[in-house]
Amino acid sequence: MQPDYTIDHFLQRALRRLDLGEVADEARVEKVYRQLAGDLISRLTPSVNFSRGILTLRLSAAALRHEMSLRRENLRQVINDQLGAEMVHKIVIR
């Protein structure tokens, strides 16, 4: 029995061959973060950057920065679960 491949699988392979895998990874991580965060927190997160396993979130509210700092490990695990891979190794809150 052959494994089922999705269009996403083939796009990811093509992007990696073109050395655009990092760009695709950043887009996937940001999309998952924004889906998990919801509308309000997404609006309070003006900048989401992902590079070399580090997710950097710039938050515009001090109380939110504090809360996210306390929950960063849980957030990292949930994001990786949604991605289906251990892509995010560290979260930096600014």
C-alpha atoms as a PDB file:
ATOM      1  CA  MET A   1       0.000   0.000   0.000  1.00  0.00           C
ATOM      2  CA  GLN A   2       1.403   3.375  -0.990  1.00  0.00           C
ATOM      3  CA  PRO A   3       1.350   6.246   1.515  1.00  0.00           C
ATOM      4  CA  ASP A   4      -1.124   9.045   0.887  1.00  0.00           C
ATOM      5  CA  TYR A   5       0.666  12.242  -0.080  1.00  0.00           C
ATOM      6  CA  THR A   6      -0.999  15.614   0.047  1.00  0.00           C
ATOM      7  CA  ILE A   7      -0.359  18.602  -2.163  1.00  0.00           C
ATOM      8  CA  ASP A   8       1.298  20.198   0.884  1.00  0.00           C
ATOM      9  CA  HIS A   9       3.833  17.361   0.962  1.00  0.00           C
ATOM     10  CA  PHE A  10       4.798  17.944  -2.675  1.00  0.00           C
ATOM     11  CA  LEU A  11       4.930  21.730  -2.248  1.00  0.00           C
ATOM     12  CA  GLN A  12       7.211  21.394   0.776  1.00  0.00           C
ATOM     13  CA  ARG A  13       9.564  19.128  -1.201  1.00  0.00           C
ATOM     14  CA  ALA A  14       9.631  21.545  -4.130  1.00  0.00           C
ATOM     15  CA  LEU A  15      10.339  24.528  -1.887  1.00  0.00           C
ATOM     16  CA  ARG A  16      13.184  22.679  -0.185  1.00  0.00           C
ATOM     17  CA  ARG A  17      14.721  21.851  -3.542  1.00  0.00           C
ATOM     18  CA  LEU A  18      14.612  25.553  -4.416  1.00  0.00           C
ATOM     19  CA  ASP A  19      16.194  26.419  -1.026  1.00  0.00           C
ATOM     20  CA  LEU A  20      12.970  28.133   0.036  1.00  0.00           C
ATOM     21  CA  GLY A  21      12.244  25.667   2.833  1.00  0.00           C
ATOM     22  CA  GLU A  22      13.015  28.215   5.555  1.00  0.00           C
ATOM     23  CA  VAL A  23      10.545  30.683   4.074  1.00  0.00           C
ATOM     24  CA  ALA A  24       7.876  27.989   3.937  1.00  0.00           C
ATOM     25  CA  ASP A  25       8.623  26.929   7.518  1.00  0.00           C
ATOM     26  CA  GLU A  26       8.304  30.516   8.747  1.00  0.00           C
ATOM     27  CA  ALA A  27       4.946  30.886   7.011  1.00  0.00           C
ATOM     28  CA  ARG A  28       3.661  27.580   8.450  1.00  0.00           C
ATOM     29  CA  VAL A  29       4.766  28.422  12.001  1.00  0.00           C
ATOM     30  CA  GLU A  30       3.232  31.909  11.824  1.00  0.00           C
ATOM     31  CA  LYS A  31      -0.027  30.519  10.458  1.00  0.00           C
ATOM     32  CA  VAL A  32      -0.280  27.937  13.252  1.00  0.00           C
ATOM     33  CA  TYR A  33       0.583  30.535  15.926  1.00  0.00           C
ATOM     34  CA  ARG A  34      -2.068  32.959  14.663  1.00  0.00           C
ATOM     35  CA  GLN A  35      -4.700  30.188  14.505  1.00  0.00           C
ATOM     36  CA  LEU A  36      -3.935  29.122  18.067  1.00  0.00           C
ATOM     37  CA  ALA A  37      -3.722  32.699  19.372  1.00  0.00           C
ATOM     38  CA  GLY A  38      -7.057  33.818  17.966  1.00  0.00           C
ATOM     39  CA  ASP A  39      -8.065  37.270  16.722  1.00  0.00           C
ATOM     40  CA  LEU A  40      -7.386  39.390  19.804  1.00  0.00           C
ATOM     41  CA  ILE A  41      -3.929  38.043  20.614  1.00  0.00           C
ATOM     42  CA  SER A  42      -3.005  38.050  16.912  1.00  0.00           C
ATOM     43  CA  ARG A  43      -3.809  41.764  16.789  1.00  0.00           C
ATOM     44  CA  LEU A  44      -1.583  42.270  19.842  1.00  0.00           C
ATOM     45  CA  THR A  45       1.252  40.366  18.115  1.00  0.00           C
ATOM     46  CA  PRO A  46       2.497  42.731  15.411  1.00  0.00           C
ATOM     47  CA  SER A  47       5.574  40.640  14.629  1.00  0.00           C
ATOM     48  CA  VAL A  48       6.064  36.867  14.366  1.00  0.00           C
ATOM     49  CA  ASN A  49       9.458  35.634  13.138  1.00  0.00           C
ATOM     50  CA  PHE A  50      10.770  32.082  12.880  1.00  0.00           C
ATOM     51  CA  SER A  51      14.360  31.222  12.074  1.00  0.00           C
ATOM     52  CA  ARG A  52      16.612  28.285  12.951  1.00  0.00           C
ATOM     53  CA  GLY A  53      14.106  26.800  15.387  1.00  0.00           C
ATOM     54  CA  ILE A  54      13.534  30.043  17.301  1.00  0.00           C
ATOM     55  CA  LEU A  55      10.087  31.636  17.254  1.00  0.00           C
ATOM     56  CA  THR A  56      10.260  35.328  18.187  1.00  0.00           C
ATOM     57  CA  LEU A  57       7.018  37.053  19.149  1.00  0.00           C
ATOM     58  CA  ARG A  58       6.819  40.819  19.578  1.00  0.00           C
ATOM     59  CA  LEU A  59       3.808  41.618  21.729  1.00  0.00           C
ATOM     60  CA  SER A  60       2.350  45.099  22.162  1.00  0.00           C
ATOM     61  CA  ALA A  61       0.826  44.616  25.641  1.00  0.00           C
ATOM     62  CA  ALA A  62       2.958  44.200  28.773  1.00  0.00           C
ATOM     63  CA  ALA A  63       0.411  41.968  30.518  1.00  0.00           C
ATOM     64  CA  LEU A  64       0.277  39.703  27.474  1.00  0.00           C
ATOM     65  CA  ARG A  65       4.103  39.543  27.349  1.00  0.00           C
ATOM     66  CA  HIS A  66       4.134  38.412  30.974  1.00  0.00           C
ATOM     67  CA  GLU A  67       1.396  35.803  30.463  1.00  0.00           C
ATOM     68  CA  MET A  68       3.003  34.428  27.291  1.00  0.00           C
ATOM     69  CA  SER A  69       6.388  34.246  29.031  1.00  0.00           C
ATOM     70  CA  LEU A  70       4.841  32.023  31.688  1.00  0.00           C
ATOM     71  CA  ARG A  71       3.197  29.793  29.075  1.00  0.00           C
ATOM     72  CA  ARG A  72       5.906  29.716  26.417  1.00  0.00           C
ATOM     73  CA  GLU A  73       6.852  26.034  26.888  1.00  0.00           C
ATOM     74  CA  ASN A  74       3.225  24.916  26.638  1.00  0.00           C
ATOM     75  CA  LEU A  75       2.767  27.108  23.550  1.00  0.00           C
ATOM     76  CA  ARG A  76       5.888  25.606  21.967  1.00  0.00           C
ATOM     77  CA  GLN A  77       4.561  22.079  22.504  1.00  0.00           C
ATOM     78  CA  VAL A  78       1.111  22.898  21.110  1.00  0.00           C
ATOM     79  CA  ILE A  79       2.597  24.592  18.019  1.00  0.00           C
ATOM     80  CA  ASN A  80       4.864  21.596  17.361  1.00  0.00           C
ATOM     81  CA  ASP A  81       1.911  19.232  17.810  1.00  0.00           C
ATOM     82  CA  GLN A  82      -0.077  21.220  15.238  1.00  0.00           C
ATOM     83  CA  LEU A  83       2.883  21.216  12.840  1.00  0.00           C
ATOM     84  CA  GLY A  84       3.410  17.496  13.305  1.00  0.00           C
ATOM     85  CA  ALA A  85       7.142  17.998  13.847  1.00  0.00           C
ATOM     86  CA  GLU A  86       9.565  19.382  16.424  1.00  0.00           C
ATOM     87  CA  MET A  87      10.257  22.599  14.483  1.00  0.00           C
ATOM     88  CA  VAL A  88      10.097  25.207  17.262  1.00  0.00           C
ATOM     89  CA  HIS A  89      12.897  24.668  19.792  1.00  0.00           C
ATOM     90  CA  LYS A  90      12.624  27.959  21.637  1.00  0.00           C
ATOM     91  CA  ILE A  91      10.199  30.889  21.938  1.00  0.00           C
ATOM     92  CA  VAL A  92      11.481  34.409  22.588  1.00  0.00           C
ATOM     93  CA  ILE A  93       8.959  36.990  23.813  1.00  0.00           C
ATOM     94  CA  ARG A  94       9.668  40.693  23.222  1.00  0.00           C
END
